[in-house]
Amino acid sequence: MKDTGPLRVAITCDVESDWGGRAPADDPDTRGLREGLPACLEVLQDHGVRGTFFINASVLQTAPEVLGRISLHGHEVASHSLHHRSLDCLTTEAVREELSRSRDALEDFFGGCVQGFRAPQGRVPEPWWELLEEAGYTYDSSIFRTVFPGRYQHVQAPAIPYRVGKIWEFPVGRLWGTPFPLGLRWVTALGLVGRALATTSVGDPVILYMHPFDLVTPDAGETYPLSARLWYKFRASQARVTLDRLLDAWQRAGVVFMTLQELASSKLEGHH
């Protein structure tokens, strides 16, 4: 049931190497980390919004200074695995390693306790929530309520957070009236800011996801995979504008921005 109080919005960012984790994690020219992540942090700071950053632990030594700004700006740090591999293709023991070693690495780097996880490409194995609980997590945000070949297959998942055992699942919603997930890349590429804002009518909290590379404009002469050319050729320069517009519109509507850890804590305290 939707809360009677102000709508809650969580801004989430999956921090990984370029091209959806396909580029080498130790590449010092990773533009998503060097350019996209500072831009993302700047927009959030301009609006006074704190978000949740799901960080792939393999990039921690690639750009330690800029990554350190995430916690310095008051954002939540969560795990996006160790090696950005498809977890549903791994053995159970390998999944356990991705969960535990990424959490340990993030806690060593940032300090504090890492409570949340998001699987690369939203691809989760069976069993899933039991492994998260075993590894010490309290919530997950790997379920995308949409269908996309090779990735998301959870169109029937609940629109609101739900509990599996001791783990709270915070599903990423989909753009109102479309089969696409509520991601900055999709909103920007398809020019659907209005539909993104309309998504607030069908779920609480609203969870937006993005990647640092979404805010990078390709340079002339660079070589990109076909999928990247399709996404970024015409719309990449607009992603920062899109994010700014979304935050501005939500703030004018009086929403409350929360990290996923704050939402999970409110659930554990009996917030409904």
C-alpha atoms as a PDB file:
ATOM      1  CA  MET A   1       0.000   0.000   0.000  1.00  0.00           C
ATOM      2  CA  LYS A   2       1.280   3.433  -0.896  1.00  0.00           C
ATOM      3  CA  ASP A   3       2.189   5.696   2.019  1.00  0.00           C
ATOM      4  CA  THR A   4      -0.019   8.670   2.813  1.00  0.00           C
ATOM      5  CA  GLY A   5       3.013  10.861   3.407  1.00  0.00           C
ATOM      6  CA  PRO A   6       5.266  12.526   0.820  1.00  0.00           C
ATOM      7  CA  LEU A   7       6.453  10.414  -2.082  1.00  0.00           C
ATOM      8  CA  ARG A   8       9.923   8.996  -1.570  1.00  0.00           C
ATOM      9  CA  VAL A   9      12.535   8.866  -4.331  1.00  0.00           C
ATOM     10  CA  ALA A  10      15.867   7.038  -4.272  1.00  0.00           C
ATOM     11  CA  ILE A  11      18.599   8.016  -6.746  1.00  0.00           C
ATOM     12  CA  THR A  12      20.926   5.088  -7.404  1.00  0.00           C
ATOM     13  CA  CYS A  13      24.104   4.881  -9.445  1.00  0.00           C
ATOM     14  CA  ASP A  14      25.924   1.725 -10.578  1.00  0.00           C
ATOM     15  CA  VAL A  15      29.644   2.534 -10.560  1.00  0.00           C
ATOM     16  CA  GLU A  16      31.647   0.264 -12.850  1.00  0.00           C
ATOM     17  CA  SER A  17      34.082   0.374 -15.742  1.00  0.00           C
ATOM     18  CA  ASP A  18      32.910   1.875 -19.048  1.00  0.00           C
ATOM     19  CA  TRP A  19      30.423   0.238 -21.398  1.00  0.00           C
ATOM     20  CA  GLY A  20      28.472  -1.509 -18.678  1.00  0.00           C
ATOM     21  CA  GLY A  21      31.529  -3.069 -17.069  1.00  0.00           C
ATOM     22  CA  ARG A  22      32.880  -4.410 -20.363  1.00  0.00           C
ATOM     23  CA  ALA A  23      35.975  -2.168 -20.391  1.00  0.00           C
ATOM     24  CA  PRO A  24      38.997  -3.207 -18.272  1.00  0.00           C
ATOM     25  CA  ALA A  25      38.443  -2.222 -14.640  1.00  0.00           C
ATOM     26  CA  ASP A  26      42.028  -0.987 -14.255  1.00  0.00           C
ATOM     27  CA  ASP A  27      41.955   1.287 -17.319  1.00  0.00           C
ATOM     28  CA  PRO A  28      43.202   4.718 -16.098  1.00  0.00           C
ATOM     29  CA  ASP A  29      41.279   6.362 -18.941  1.00  0.00           C
ATOM     30  CA  THR A  30      37.905   5.120 -17.703  1.00  0.00           C
ATOM     31  CA  ARG A  31      35.870   8.182 -18.638  1.00  0.00           C
ATOM     32  CA  GLY A  32      32.863   7.217 -16.581  1.00  0.00           C
ATOM     33  CA  LEU A  33      34.961   7.502 -13.422  1.00  0.00           C
ATOM     34  CA  ARG A  34      37.069  10.483 -14.511  1.00  0.00           C
ATOM     35  CA  GLU A  35      34.273  12.578 -16.027  1.00  0.00           C
ATOM     36  CA  GLY A  36      30.859  11.030 -15.485  1.00  0.00           C
ATOM     37  CA  LEU A  37      31.103  10.368 -11.751  1.00  0.00           C
ATOM     38  CA  PRO A  38      32.235  13.928 -10.839  1.00  0.00           C
ATOM     39  CA  ALA A  39      29.402  15.296 -12.996  1.00  0.00           C
ATOM     40  CA  CYS A  40      26.887  13.065 -11.224  1.00  0.00           C
ATOM     41  CA  LEU A  41      28.165  14.101  -7.795  1.00  0.00           C
ATOM     42  CA  GLU A  42      28.024  17.762  -8.795  1.00  0.00           C
ATOM     43  CA  VAL A  43      24.392  17.581  -9.926  1.00  0.00           C
ATOM     44  CA  LEU A  44      23.344  15.805  -6.741  1.00  0.00           C
ATOM     45  CA  GLN A  45      25.249  18.319  -4.614  1.00  0.00           C
ATOM     46  CA  ASP A  46      23.612  21.229  -6.453  1.00  0.00           C
ATOM     47  CA  HIS A  47      20.225  19.853  -5.430  1.00  0.00           C
ATOM     48  CA  GLY A  48      21.249  18.763  -1.938  1.00  0.00           C
ATOM     49  CA  VAL A  49      20.342  15.160  -2.733  1.00  0.00           C
ATOM     50  CA  ARG A  50      22.073  12.092  -1.325  1.00  0.00           C
ATOM     51  CA  GLY A  51      21.965   8.866  -3.292  1.00  0.00           C
ATOM     52  CA  THR A  52      23.033   5.238  -3.150  1.00  0.00           C
ATOM     53  CA  PHE A  53      26.115   4.245  -5.148  1.00  0.00           C
ATOM     54  CA  PHE A  54      26.428   0.563  -5.996  1.00  0.00           C
ATOM     55  CA  ILE A  55      30.166   0.237  -6.570  1.00  0.00           C
ATOM     56  CA  ASN A  56      31.923  -2.576  -8.383  1.00  0.00           C
ATOM     57  CA  ALA A  57      34.895  -3.313  -6.135  1.00  0.00           C
ATOM     58  CA  SER A  58      37.256  -3.960  -9.061  1.00  0.00           C
ATOM     59  CA  VAL A  59      37.425  -0.217  -9.869  1.00  0.00           C
ATOM     60  CA  LEU A  60      38.400   0.955  -6.373  1.00  0.00           C
ATOM     61  CA  GLN A  61      42.073   1.451  -7.271  1.00  0.00           C
ATOM     62  CA  THR A  62      41.375   2.933 -10.698  1.00  0.00           C
ATOM     63  CA  ALA A  63      40.183   6.334  -9.470  1.00  0.00           C
ATOM     64  CA  PRO A  64      40.467   6.316  -5.649  1.00  0.00           C
ATOM     65  CA  GLU A  65      40.316  10.092  -5.249  1.00  0.00           C
ATOM     66  CA  VAL A  66      37.047  10.624  -7.104  1.00  0.00           C
ATOM     67  CA  LEU A  67      35.516   7.479  -5.608  1.00  0.00           C
ATOM     68  CA  GLY A  68      36.375   8.797  -2.159  1.00  0.00           C
ATOM     69  CA  ARG A  69      34.160  11.806  -2.816  1.00  0.00           C
ATOM     70  CA  ILE A  70      31.096   9.557  -2.773  1.00  0.00           C
ATOM     71  CA  SER A  71      31.210   9.018   0.974  1.00  0.00           C
ATOM     72  CA  LEU A  72      32.610  12.501   1.626  1.00  0.00           C
ATOM     73  CA  HIS A  73      29.450  13.935   0.047  1.00  0.00           C
ATOM     74  CA  GLY A  74      27.304  11.839   2.366  1.00  0.00           C
ATOM     75  CA  HIS A  75      26.114   9.254  -0.146  1.00  0.00           C
ATOM     76  CA  GLU A  76      25.524   5.620   0.715  1.00  0.00           C
ATOM     77  CA  VAL A  77      28.004   3.023  -0.522  1.00  0.00           C
ATOM     78  CA  ALA A  78      26.610  -0.374  -1.559  1.00  0.00           C
ATOM     79  CA  SER A  79      28.006  -3.309  -3.516  1.00  0.00           C
ATOM     80  CA  HIS A  80      27.803  -3.963  -7.250  1.00  0.00           C
ATOM     81  CA  SER A  81      29.839  -7.191  -6.973  1.00  0.00           C
ATOM     82  CA  LEU A  82      33.564  -7.831  -7.230  1.00  0.00           C
ATOM     83  CA  HIS A  83      34.222  -8.499 -10.924  1.00  0.00           C
ATOM     84  CA  HIS A  84      30.979  -7.387 -12.655  1.00  0.00           C
ATOM     85  CA  ARG A  85      30.206 -10.884 -13.875  1.00  0.00           C
ATOM     86  CA  SER A  86      26.752 -12.303 -14.606  1.00  0.00           C
ATOM     87  CA  LEU A  87      25.962 -13.972 -11.306  1.00  0.00           C
ATOM     88  CA  ASP A  88      23.418 -16.337 -12.821  1.00  0.00           C
ATOM     89  CA  CYS A  89      26.254 -17.930 -14.822  1.00  0.00           C
ATOM     90  CA  LEU A  90      28.448 -18.629 -11.780  1.00  0.00           C
ATOM     91  CA  THR A  91      28.578 -21.474  -9.311  1.00  0.00           C
ATOM     92  CA  THR A  92      27.069 -20.895  -5.900  1.00  0.00           C
ATOM     93  CA  GLU A  93      30.537 -20.708  -4.362  1.00  0.00           C
ATOM     94  CA  ALA A  94      31.628 -18.118  -6.921  1.00  0.00           C
ATOM     95  CA  VAL A  95      28.524 -16.042  -6.134  1.00  0.00           C
ATOM     96  CA  ARG A  96      29.367 -16.244  -2.442  1.00  0.00           C
ATOM     97  CA  GLU A  97      32.831 -14.914  -3.246  1.00  0.00           C
ATOM     98  CA  GLU A  98      31.418 -12.020  -5.272  1.00  0.00           C
ATOM     99  CA  LEU A  99      29.129 -11.086  -2.399  1.00  0.00           C
ATOM    100  CA  SER A 100      31.585 -11.388   0.477  1.00  0.00           C
ATOM    101  CA  ARG A 101      34.785 -10.120  -1.125  1.00  0.00           C
ATOM    102  CA  SER A 102      33.141  -7.077  -2.667  1.00  0.00           C
ATOM    103  CA  ARG A 103      31.587  -6.146   0.666  1.00  0.00           C
ATOM    104  CA  ASP A 104      34.926  -6.567   2.463  1.00  0.00           C
ATOM    105  CA  ALA A 105      36.769  -4.463  -0.137  1.00  0.00           C
ATOM    106  CA  LEU A 106      34.231  -1.644   0.005  1.00  0.00           C
ATOM    107  CA  GLU A 107      34.222  -1.555   3.794  1.00  0.00           C
ATOM    108  CA  ASP A 108      38.035  -1.491   3.848  1.00  0.00           C
ATOM    109  CA  PHE A 109      38.098   1.364   1.331  1.00  0.00           C
ATOM    110  CA  PHE A 110      35.269   3.541   2.647  1.00  0.00           C
ATOM    111  CA  GLY A 111      34.859   2.410   6.249  1.00  0.00           C
ATOM    112  CA  GLY A 112      31.412   1.810   7.667  1.00  0.00           C
ATOM    113  CA  CYS A 113      29.054  -1.053   6.970  1.00  0.00           C
ATOM    114  CA  VAL A 114      27.877  -2.009   3.483  1.00  0.00           C
ATOM    115  CA  GLN A 115      24.277  -3.210   3.666  1.00  0.00           C
ATOM    116  CA  GLY A 116      22.978  -3.207   0.082  1.00  0.00           C
ATOM    117  CA  PHE A 117      23.666  -5.055  -3.154  1.00  0.00           C
ATOM    118  CA  ARG A 118      22.728  -4.785  -6.821  1.00  0.00           C
ATOM    119  CA  ALA A 119      23.653  -7.569  -9.236  1.00  0.00           C
ATOM    120  CA  PRO A 120      25.386  -6.683 -12.527  1.00  0.00           C
ATOM    121  CA  GLN A 121      22.732  -6.318 -15.253  1.00  0.00           C
ATOM    122  CA  GLY A 122      20.125  -7.325 -12.688  1.00  0.00           C
ATOM    123  CA  ARG A 123      20.901 -10.994 -13.323  1.00  0.00           C
ATOM    124  CA  VAL A 124      20.465 -13.025 -10.155  1.00  0.00           C
ATOM    125  CA  PRO A 125      21.021 -16.743  -9.522  1.00  0.00           C
ATOM    126  CA  GLU A 126      18.999 -19.289  -7.581  1.00  0.00           C
ATOM    127  CA  PRO A 127      19.112 -19.310  -4.658  1.00  0.00           C
ATOM    128  CA  TRP A 128      19.519 -15.552  -4.228  1.00  0.00           C
ATOM    129  CA  TRP A 129      18.157 -13.887  -1.122  1.00  0.00           C
ATOM    130  CA  GLU A 130      19.458 -16.669   1.096  1.00  0.00           C
ATOM    131  CA  LEU A 131      22.976 -15.978  -0.177  1.00  0.00           C
ATOM    132  CA  LEU A 132      22.578 -12.253   0.459  1.00  0.00           C
ATOM    133  CA  GLU A 133      21.496 -12.899   4.018  1.00  0.00           C
ATOM    134  CA  GLU A 134      24.374 -15.321   4.529  1.00  0.00           C
ATOM    135  CA  ALA A 135      26.835 -12.649   3.323  1.00  0.00           C
ATOM    136  CA  GLY A 136      25.515 -10.068   5.784  1.00  0.00           C
ATOM    137  CA  TYR A 137      23.414  -7.834   3.530  1.00  0.00           C
ATOM    138  CA  THR A 138      20.078  -6.395   4.642  1.00  0.00           C
ATOM    139  CA  TYR A 139      18.615  -5.313   1.297  1.00  0.00           C
ATOM    140  CA  ASP A 140      18.878  -5.840  -2.456  1.00  0.00           C
ATOM    141  CA  SER A 141      17.915  -3.791  -5.523  1.00  0.00           C
ATOM    142  CA  SER A 142      18.582  -6.230  -8.365  1.00  0.00           C
ATOM    143  CA  ILE A 143      15.028  -6.793  -9.562  1.00  0.00           C
ATOM    144  CA  PHE A 144      14.024  -4.667 -12.553  1.00  0.00           C
ATOM    145  CA  ARG A 145      10.277  -4.743 -13.202  1.00  0.00           C
ATOM    146  CA  THR A 146      10.591  -5.151 -16.956  1.00  0.00           C
ATOM    147  CA  VAL A 147      11.648  -7.567 -19.682  1.00  0.00           C
ATOM    148  CA  PHE A 148      14.859  -7.127 -21.644  1.00  0.00           C
ATOM    149  CA  PRO A 149      16.495 -10.006 -23.576  1.00  0.00           C
ATOM    150  CA  GLY A 150      19.387 -11.513 -21.628  1.00  0.00           C
ATOM    151  CA  ARG A 151      18.806  -9.310 -18.586  1.00  0.00           C
ATOM    152  CA  TYR A 152      15.554  -8.392 -16.928  1.00  0.00           C
ATOM    153  CA  GLN A 153      12.797 -10.976 -16.654  1.00  0.00           C
ATOM    154  CA  HIS A 154      10.776  -9.724 -13.700  1.00  0.00           C
ATOM    155  CA  VAL A 155       7.832  -7.908 -15.237  1.00  0.00           C
ATOM    156  CA  GLN A 156       5.471  -9.506 -12.680  1.00  0.00           C
ATOM    157  CA  ALA A 157       7.517  -8.444  -9.648  1.00  0.00           C
ATOM    158  CA  PRO A 158       5.741  -6.207  -7.116  1.00  0.00           C
ATOM    159  CA  ALA A 159       5.992  -2.455  -7.720  1.00  0.00           C
ATOM    160  CA  ILE A 160       6.719  -1.755  -4.057  1.00  0.00           C
ATOM    161  CA  PRO A 161       9.435  -3.101  -1.738  1.00  0.00           C
ATOM    162  CA  TYR A 162       8.880  -6.634  -0.471  1.00  0.00           C
ATOM    163  CA  ARG A 163      10.633  -8.935   1.930  1.00  0.00           C
ATOM    164  CA  VAL A 164      12.150 -12.339   1.232  1.00  0.00           C
ATOM    165  CA  GLY A 165      13.325 -13.889   4.479  1.00  0.00           C
ATOM    166  CA  LYS A 166      15.325 -11.161   6.196  1.00  0.00           C
ATOM    167  CA  ILE A 167      16.192  -9.318   2.958  1.00  0.00           C
ATOM    168  CA  TRP A 168      14.226  -6.308   1.723  1.00  0.00           C
ATOM    169  CA  GLU A 169      14.001  -6.135  -2.061  1.00  0.00           C
ATOM    170  CA  PHE A 170      13.701  -2.650  -3.585  1.00  0.00           C
ATOM    171  CA  PRO A 171      12.699  -3.229  -7.218  1.00  0.00           C
ATOM    172  CA  VAL A 172      13.678  -0.697  -9.867  1.00  0.00           C
ATOM    173  CA  GLY A 173      10.497   0.495 -11.531  1.00  0.00           C
ATOM    174  CA  ARG A 174       9.724   0.955 -15.186  1.00  0.00           C
ATOM    175  CA  LEU A 175       8.890   4.077 -17.121  1.00  0.00           C
ATOM    176  CA  TRP A 176       5.169   4.692 -16.998  1.00  0.00           C
ATOM    177  CA  GLY A 177       3.403   3.258 -20.035  1.00  0.00           C
ATOM    178  CA  THR A 178       6.530   1.588 -21.448  1.00  0.00           C
ATOM    179  CA  PRO A 179       8.410  -1.726 -21.037  1.00  0.00           C
ATOM    180  CA  PHE A 180      11.642   0.125 -20.203  1.00  0.00           C
ATOM    181  CA  PRO A 181      13.269   0.392 -16.763  1.00  0.00           C
ATOM    182  CA  LEU A 182      13.434   3.728 -14.968  1.00  0.00           C
ATOM    183  CA  GLY A 183      17.024   4.463 -15.944  1.00  0.00           C
ATOM    184  CA  LEU A 184      18.645   7.778 -16.816  1.00  0.00           C
ATOM    185  CA  ARG A 185      19.958   6.321 -20.076  1.00  0.00           C
ATOM    186  CA  TRP A 186      16.488   5.216 -21.181  1.00  0.00           C
ATOM    187  CA  VAL A 187      14.830   8.475 -20.128  1.00  0.00           C
ATOM    188  CA  THR A 188      17.442  10.515 -21.968  1.00  0.00           C
ATOM    189  CA  ALA A 189      17.762   8.419 -25.122  1.00  0.00           C
ATOM    190  CA  LEU A 190      14.013   8.238 -25.626  1.00  0.00           C
ATOM    191  CA  GLY A 191      13.218  11.756 -24.427  1.00  0.00           C
ATOM    192  CA  LEU A 192      10.744  10.515 -21.813  1.00  0.00           C
ATOM    193  CA  VAL A 193      11.181  12.896 -18.886  1.00  0.00           C
ATOM    194  CA  GLY A 194       7.412  13.276 -18.615  1.00  0.00           C
ATOM    195  CA  ARG A 195       6.902   9.523 -18.369  1.00  0.00           C
ATOM    196  CA  ALA A 196       9.660   9.286 -15.772  1.00  0.00           C
ATOM    197  CA  LEU A 197       7.838  11.826 -13.628  1.00  0.00           C
ATOM    198  CA  ALA A 198       4.520  10.024 -14.198  1.00  0.00           C
ATOM    199  CA  THR A 199       6.112   6.865 -12.769  1.00  0.00           C
ATOM    200  CA  THR A 200       5.601   8.422  -9.338  1.00  0.00           C
ATOM    201  CA  SER A 201       1.905   7.566  -9.616  1.00  0.00           C
ATOM    202  CA  VAL A 202       2.439   3.798  -9.637  1.00  0.00           C
ATOM    203  CA  GLY A 203       4.997   3.129  -6.930  1.00  0.00           C
ATOM    204  CA  ASP A 204       6.487   4.378  -3.685  1.00  0.00           C
ATOM    205  CA  PRO A 205       9.391   4.623  -3.365  1.00  0.00           C
ATOM    206  CA  VAL A 206      10.452   5.516  -6.893  1.00  0.00           C
ATOM    207  CA  ILE A 207      13.926   4.176  -7.681  1.00  0.00           C
ATOM    208  CA  LEU A 208      15.934   5.741 -10.507  1.00  0.00           C
ATOM    209  CA  TYR A 209      19.132   4.074 -11.650  1.00  0.00           C
ATOM    210  CA  MET A 210      22.022   5.352 -13.752  1.00  0.00           C
ATOM    211  CA  HIS A 211      25.714   4.846 -14.511  1.00  0.00           C
ATOM    212  CA  PRO A 212      28.521   7.418 -14.456  1.00  0.00           C
ATOM    213  CA  PHE A 213      29.165   6.793 -18.152  1.00  0.00           C
ATOM    214  CA  ASP A 214      25.610   7.876 -18.920  1.00  0.00           C
ATOM    215  CA  LEU A 215      26.802  11.441 -18.320  1.00  0.00           C
ATOM    216  CA  VAL A 216      29.799  11.226 -20.675  1.00  0.00           C
ATOM    217  CA  THR A 217      29.651  12.681 -24.186  1.00  0.00           C
ATOM    218  CA  PRO A 218      31.696  10.630 -26.699  1.00  0.00           C
ATOM    219  CA  ASP A 219      34.631  12.376 -28.337  1.00  0.00           C
ATOM    220  CA  ALA A 220      34.885  12.470 -32.109  1.00  0.00           C
ATOM    221  CA  GLY A 221      37.151   9.723 -33.383  1.00  0.00           C
ATOM    222  CA  GLU A 222      36.656   7.347 -30.459  1.00  0.00           C
ATOM    223  CA  THR A 223      35.622   3.800 -31.228  1.00  0.00           C
ATOM    224  CA  TYR A 224      32.526   2.477 -29.522  1.00  0.00           C
ATOM    225  CA  PRO A 225      30.568  -0.766 -29.545  1.00  0.00           C
ATOM    226  CA  LEU A 226      27.448  -0.640 -31.694  1.00  0.00           C
ATOM    227  CA  SER A 227      25.157  -0.493 -28.654  1.00  0.00           C
ATOM    228  CA  ALA A 228      27.076   2.485 -27.308  1.00  0.00           C
ATOM    229  CA  ARG A 229      26.820   4.335 -30.613  1.00  0.00           C
ATOM    230  CA  LEU A 230      23.074   3.778 -30.641  1.00  0.00           C
ATOM    231  CA  TRP A 231      22.640   5.133 -27.124  1.00  0.00           C
ATOM    232  CA  TYR A 232      25.042   8.041 -27.094  1.00  0.00           C
ATOM    233  CA  LYS A 233      25.315   9.438 -30.591  1.00  0.00           C
ATOM    234  CA  PHE A 234      22.460  11.905 -30.251  1.00  0.00           C
ATOM    235  CA  ARG A 235      21.483  12.022 -26.591  1.00  0.00           C
ATOM    236  CA  ALA A 236      24.579  11.668 -24.395  1.00  0.00           C
ATOM    237  CA  SER A 237      25.091  15.406 -24.004  1.00  0.00           C
ATOM    238  CA  GLN A 238      21.543  15.686 -22.637  1.00  0.00           C
ATOM    239  CA  ALA A 239      21.900  13.182 -19.780  1.00  0.00           C
ATOM    240  CA  ARG A 240      23.100  15.742 -17.237  1.00  0.00           C
ATOM    241  CA  VAL A 241      20.289  18.080 -18.265  1.00  0.00           C
ATOM    242  CA  THR A 242      17.802  15.223 -17.879  1.00  0.00           C
ATOM    243  CA  LEU A 243      19.045  14.401 -14.375  1.00  0.00           C
ATOM    244  CA  ASP A 244      18.861  18.057 -13.376  1.00  0.00           C
ATOM    245  CA  ARG A 245      15.304  18.355 -14.725  1.00  0.00           C
ATOM    246  CA  LEU A 246      14.138  15.239 -12.903  1.00  0.00           C
ATOM    247  CA  LEU A 247      15.582  16.344  -9.565  1.00  0.00           C
ATOM    248  CA  ASP A 248      14.177  19.845  -9.971  1.00  0.00           C
ATOM    249  CA  ALA A 249      10.690  18.586 -10.834  1.00  0.00           C
ATOM    250  CA  TRP A 250      10.661  16.099  -7.961  1.00  0.00           C
ATOM    251  CA  GLN A 251      11.812  18.742  -5.507  1.00  0.00           C
ATOM    252  CA  ARG A 252       9.105  21.137  -6.642  1.00  0.00           C
ATOM    253  CA  ALA A 253       6.605  18.307  -6.119  1.00  0.00           C
ATOM    254  CA  GLY A 254       7.758  17.962  -2.518  1.00  0.00           C
ATOM    255  CA  VAL A 255       9.227  14.455  -2.670  1.00  0.00           C
ATOM    256  CA  VAL A 256      11.556  13.171   0.020  1.00  0.00           C
ATOM    257  CA  PHE A 257      14.883  11.862  -1.274  1.00  0.00           C
ATOM    258  CA  MET A 258      16.232   8.901   0.688  1.00  0.00           C
ATOM    259  CA  THR A 259      19.071   6.441   0.332  1.00  0.00           C
ATOM    260  CA  LEU A 260      18.102   2.793   0.047  1.00  0.00           C
ATOM    261  CA  GLN A 261      19.737   2.134   3.389  1.00  0.00           C
ATOM    262  CA  GLU A 262      17.437   4.734   4.954  1.00  0.00           C
ATOM    263  CA  LEU A 263      14.440   3.107   3.273  1.00  0.00           C
ATOM    264  CA  ALA A 264      15.520  -0.326   4.483  1.00  0.00           C
ATOM    265  CA  SER A 265      15.976   1.002   8.014  1.00  0.00           C
ATOM    266  CA  SER A 266      12.501   2.530   7.923  1.00  0.00           C
ATOM    267  CA  LYS A 267      11.099  -0.856   6.892  1.00  0.00           C
ATOM    268  CA  LEU A 268      12.898  -2.602   9.738  1.00  0.00           C
ATOM    269  CA  GLU A 269      11.502  -0.022  12.142  1.00  0.00           C
ATOM    270  CA  GLY A 270       7.959  -0.791  11.012  1.00  0.00           C
ATOM    271  CA  HIS A 271       7.493   1.976   8.391  1.00  0.00           C
ATOM    272  CA  HIS A 272       4.753   0.907   5.945  1.00  0.00           C
END
